[in-house]
Structure formats: C-alpha cells, structure tokens
C-alpha cells in the first residue's frame, strides 16, 4: 500500500509549512493527485488519519482533488485530457500520443485554525 508513504509525506510537508507560519492546528490539507498515480482516495484518507495521529494534524480533513491524464499528440501537437485507454488523439485520430500530465502529487493548500485569545 503506497498510500501510507504518500500520507506520511503529506504530513511532513504540512508540518513544515505550519511551522514556518507559527500555526499550531491544521484543519484541512488539500492535495492534487494525478490519475496515473493510481492512488485510492479512501485508502489515502485512512492512511492520513493514521499518520497524523498524535500530531497537530490529528483530526484534519484531507481533501483530494483528482488530476486527469493529459496527452499530447505527436502528429498534430494537440493536447487533451483522457480517462480511458487506449490513448488516441481526439483531434486527428493518431495513436502516436505521449503522456503530458496526470502524474501529479502535490500539496496545494493547507488551512489552519485561527487562534482565539481569551484576554479581555
């Protein structure tokens, strides 16, 4: 299950960013995951829950945004998004296509809780 190692990396990145900004509580972590990564969202959420246990991330929501596979046709240079195989250019019909995107895996944003002062 590669989702656990991904979840640990997400936690590390979120911790580092929270530290930079002096945040003590992270509420949400948003990630973009390319379809070529073959990540199972529910497994990643479960792994994130385990990896964040006992940390400033515990209880945080993991938002997962899927990034489609993008191809470039070598014949006509047309770019397109696709979700199925076989890959074929929807512009000219050529089978001579290359992957141009969809292997992404990045933390796109982190939301932190605002600290409320109890001073009067």
C-alpha atoms as a PDB file:
ATOM      1  CA  UNK A   1       0.000   0.000   0.000  1.00  0.00           C
ATOM      2  CA  UNK A   2       1.869   3.059  -1.241  1.00  0.00           C
ATOM      3  CA  UNK A   3      -0.851   5.326   0.174  1.00  0.00           C
ATOM      4  CA  UNK A   4       0.755   5.215   3.631  1.00  0.00           C
ATOM      5  CA  UNK A   5       4.120   6.518   2.402  1.00  0.00           C
ATOM      6  CA  UNK A   6       2.268   9.230   0.466  1.00  0.00           C
ATOM      7  CA  UNK A   7       0.285  10.149   3.600  1.00  0.00           C
ATOM      8  CA  UNK A   8       3.496  10.411   5.637  1.00  0.00           C
ATOM      9  CA  UNK A   9       4.987  12.735   3.016  1.00  0.00           C
ATOM     10  CA  UNK A  10       1.838  14.875   3.017  1.00  0.00           C
ATOM     11  CA  UNK A  11       2.041  15.132   6.826  1.00  0.00           C
ATOM     12  CA  UNK A  12       5.731  16.103   6.694  1.00  0.00           C
ATOM     13  CA  UNK A  13       5.045  18.854   4.160  1.00  0.00           C
ATOM     14  CA  UNK A  14       2.077  20.155   6.178  1.00  0.00           C
ATOM     15  CA  UNK A  15       4.115  20.171   9.433  1.00  0.00           C
ATOM     16  CA  UNK A  16       6.924  22.130   7.783  1.00  0.00           C
ATOM     17  CA  UNK A  17       4.534  24.740   6.368  1.00  0.00           C
ATOM     18  CA  UNK A  18       2.670  25.065   9.661  1.00  0.00           C
ATOM     19  CA  UNK A  19       5.957  25.608  11.498  1.00  0.00           C
ATOM     20  CA  UNK A  20       7.010  28.311   9.025  1.00  0.00           C
ATOM     21  CA  UNK A  21       3.820  30.219   9.790  1.00  0.00           C
ATOM     22  CA  UNK A  22       3.662  29.518  13.522  1.00  0.00           C
ATOM     23  CA  UNK A  23       0.424  27.538  13.200  1.00  0.00           C
ATOM     24  CA  UNK A  24      -0.442  25.148  15.980  1.00  0.00           C
ATOM     25  CA  UNK A  25      -3.517  23.488  14.454  1.00  0.00           C
ATOM     26  CA  UNK A  26      -4.087  22.436  10.843  1.00  0.00           C
ATOM     27  CA  UNK A  27      -7.718  21.884   9.893  1.00  0.00           C
ATOM     28  CA  UNK A  28      -7.503  20.899   6.230  1.00  0.00           C
ATOM     29  CA  UNK A  29      -4.860  19.699   3.807  1.00  0.00           C
ATOM     30  CA  UNK A  30      -5.691  19.825   0.087  1.00  0.00           C
ATOM     31  CA  UNK A  31      -3.775  17.621  -2.327  1.00  0.00           C
ATOM     32  CA  UNK A  32      -3.814  17.172  -6.088  1.00  0.00           C
ATOM     33  CA  UNK A  33      -3.300  13.589  -7.186  1.00  0.00           C
ATOM     34  CA  UNK A  34      -2.826  12.612 -10.808  1.00  0.00           C
ATOM     35  CA  UNK A  35      -4.773   9.629 -12.081  1.00  0.00           C
ATOM     36  CA  UNK A  36      -1.543   7.968 -13.211  1.00  0.00           C
ATOM     37  CA  UNK A  37      -0.506   7.710  -9.542  1.00  0.00           C
ATOM     38  CA  UNK A  38      -3.210   5.077  -9.049  1.00  0.00           C
ATOM     39  CA  UNK A  39      -3.990   6.299  -5.546  1.00  0.00           C
ATOM     40  CA  UNK A  40      -7.161   5.001  -3.916  1.00  0.00           C
ATOM     41  CA  UNK A  41      -8.669   8.098  -2.230  1.00  0.00           C
ATOM     42  CA  UNK A  42     -10.275   6.246   0.695  1.00  0.00           C
ATOM     43  CA  UNK A  43      -7.047   4.372   1.430  1.00  0.00           C
ATOM     44  CA  UNK A  44      -5.123   7.653   1.337  1.00  0.00           C
ATOM     45  CA  UNK A  45      -7.602   9.273   3.753  1.00  0.00           C
ATOM     46  CA  UNK A  46      -7.311   6.310   6.126  1.00  0.00           C
ATOM     47  CA  UNK A  47      -3.515   6.348   5.919  1.00  0.00           C
ATOM     48  CA  UNK A  48      -3.525  10.116   6.539  1.00  0.00           C
ATOM     49  CA  UNK A  49      -5.612   9.577   9.676  1.00  0.00           C
ATOM     50  CA  UNK A  50      -3.101   7.023  10.964  1.00  0.00           C
ATOM     51  CA  UNK A  51      -0.030   9.089  10.004  1.00  0.00           C
ATOM     52  CA  UNK A  52      -1.419  12.249  11.628  1.00  0.00           C
ATOM     53  CA  UNK A  53      -2.450  10.625  14.924  1.00  0.00           C
ATOM     54  CA  UNK A  54      -0.996  12.444  17.934  1.00  0.00           C
ATOM     55  CA  UNK A  55       0.188  15.431  15.881  1.00  0.00           C
ATOM     56  CA  UNK A  56      -1.054  18.935  15.058  1.00  0.00           C
ATOM     57  CA  UNK A  57      -2.693  17.308  12.024  1.00  0.00           C
ATOM     58  CA  UNK A  58      -4.837  14.902  14.016  1.00  0.00           C
ATOM     59  CA  UNK A  59      -8.466  15.426  13.033  1.00  0.00           C
ATOM     60  CA  UNK A  60      -7.584  17.444   9.934  1.00  0.00           C
ATOM     61  CA  UNK A  61      -9.581  16.828   6.769  1.00  0.00           C
ATOM     62  CA  UNK A  62      -7.697  15.574   3.721  1.00  0.00           C
ATOM     63  CA  UNK A  63      -9.246  16.966   0.530  1.00  0.00           C
ATOM     64  CA  UNK A  64      -8.196  15.026  -2.548  1.00  0.00           C
ATOM     65  CA  UNK A  65      -8.566  16.589  -5.997  1.00  0.00           C
ATOM     66  CA  UNK A  66      -8.064  14.252  -8.942  1.00  0.00           C
ATOM     67  CA  UNK A  67      -5.904  15.473 -11.829  1.00  0.00           C
ATOM     68  CA  UNK A  68      -6.791  13.850 -15.178  1.00  0.00           C
ATOM     69  CA  UNK A  69      -4.304  12.271 -17.516  1.00  0.00           C
ATOM     70  CA  UNK A  70      -3.196  14.723 -20.200  1.00  0.00           C
ATOM     71  CA  UNK A  71      -1.788  13.634 -23.533  1.00  0.00           C
ATOM     72  CA  UNK A  72      -0.010  15.348 -26.415  1.00  0.00           C
ATOM     73  CA  UNK A  73      -0.366  14.083 -29.944  1.00  0.00           C
ATOM     74  CA  UNK A  74       2.997  13.714 -31.682  1.00  0.00           C
ATOM     75  CA  UNK A  75       1.316  14.081 -35.080  1.00  0.00           C
ATOM     76  CA  UNK A  76      -0.695  17.296 -34.644  1.00  0.00           C
ATOM     77  CA  UNK A  77       0.589  18.583 -31.249  1.00  0.00           C
ATOM     78  CA  UNK A  78      -2.966  18.579 -29.812  1.00  0.00           C
ATOM     79  CA  UNK A  79      -3.285  18.361 -26.012  1.00  0.00           C
ATOM     80  CA  UNK A  80      -6.239  16.549 -24.435  1.00  0.00           C
ATOM     81  CA  UNK A  81      -7.427  15.073 -21.160  1.00  0.00           C
ATOM     82  CA  UNK A  82      -8.390  11.425 -21.082  1.00  0.00           C
ATOM     83  CA  UNK A  83      -9.625   8.880 -18.581  1.00  0.00           C
ATOM     84  CA  UNK A  84      -9.570   5.686 -20.629  1.00  0.00           C
ATOM     85  CA  UNK A  85      -7.238   3.526 -22.682  1.00  0.00           C
ATOM     86  CA  UNK A  86      -6.280   3.074 -25.476  1.00  0.00           C
ATOM     87  CA  UNK A  87      -4.950   6.541 -25.982  1.00  0.00           C
ATOM     88  CA  UNK A  88      -5.871   8.169 -29.257  1.00  0.00           C
ATOM     89  CA  UNK A  89      -5.802  11.798 -30.361  1.00  0.00           C
ATOM     90  CA  UNK A  90      -9.346  13.150 -30.386  1.00  0.00           C
ATOM     91  CA  UNK A  91      -8.255  15.779 -32.920  1.00  0.00           C
ATOM     92  CA  UNK A  92      -6.627  13.734 -35.721  1.00  0.00           C
ATOM     93  CA  UNK A  93      -7.175  10.114 -34.617  1.00  0.00           C
ATOM     94  CA  UNK A  94      -3.459   9.281 -34.348  1.00  0.00           C
ATOM     95  CA  UNK A  95      -2.306   6.654 -31.842  1.00  0.00           C
ATOM     96  CA  UNK A  96       1.083   8.394 -31.576  1.00  0.00           C
ATOM     97  CA  UNK A  97       0.447  10.173 -28.268  1.00  0.00           C
ATOM     98  CA  UNK A  98       2.625  10.890 -25.230  1.00  0.00           C
ATOM     99  CA  UNK A  99       1.679  11.480 -21.620  1.00  0.00           C
ATOM    100  CA  UNK A 100       1.939  15.181 -20.770  1.00  0.00           C
ATOM    101  CA  UNK A 101       0.364  15.227 -17.304  1.00  0.00           C
ATOM    102  CA  UNK A 102      -1.564  13.266 -14.729  1.00  0.00           C
ATOM    103  CA  UNK A 103       1.374  12.061 -12.678  1.00  0.00           C
ATOM    104  CA  UNK A 104       0.989  14.958 -10.234  1.00  0.00           C
ATOM    105  CA  UNK A 105       1.137  14.611  -6.483  1.00  0.00           C
ATOM    106  CA  UNK A 106       1.313  17.872  -4.584  1.00  0.00           C
ATOM    107  CA  UNK A 107       0.006  19.598  -1.505  1.00  0.00           C
ATOM    108  CA  UNK A 108      -1.896  22.537  -2.984  1.00  0.00           C
ATOM    109  CA  UNK A 109      -3.035  24.239   0.230  1.00  0.00           C
ATOM    110  CA  UNK A 110      -3.175  23.975   3.988  1.00  0.00           C
ATOM    111  CA  UNK A 111      -5.833  25.581   6.169  1.00  0.00           C
ATOM    112  CA  UNK A 112      -5.027  26.420   9.752  1.00  0.00           C
ATOM    113  CA  UNK A 113      -7.295  27.206  12.681  1.00  0.00           C
ATOM    114  CA  UNK A 114      -7.352  30.767  13.870  1.00  0.00           C
ATOM    115  CA  UNK A 115      -6.302  31.059  17.456  1.00  0.00           C
ATOM    116  CA  UNK A 116      -8.766  32.944  19.609  1.00  0.00           C
ATOM    117  CA  UNK A 117      -7.426  34.942  22.522  1.00  0.00           C
ATOM    118  CA  UNK A 118      -9.258  34.687  25.849  1.00  0.00           C
ATOM    119  CA  UNK A 119      -7.947  38.053  27.016  1.00  0.00           C
ATOM    120  CA  UNK A 120     -10.488  40.792  27.760  1.00  0.00           C
END
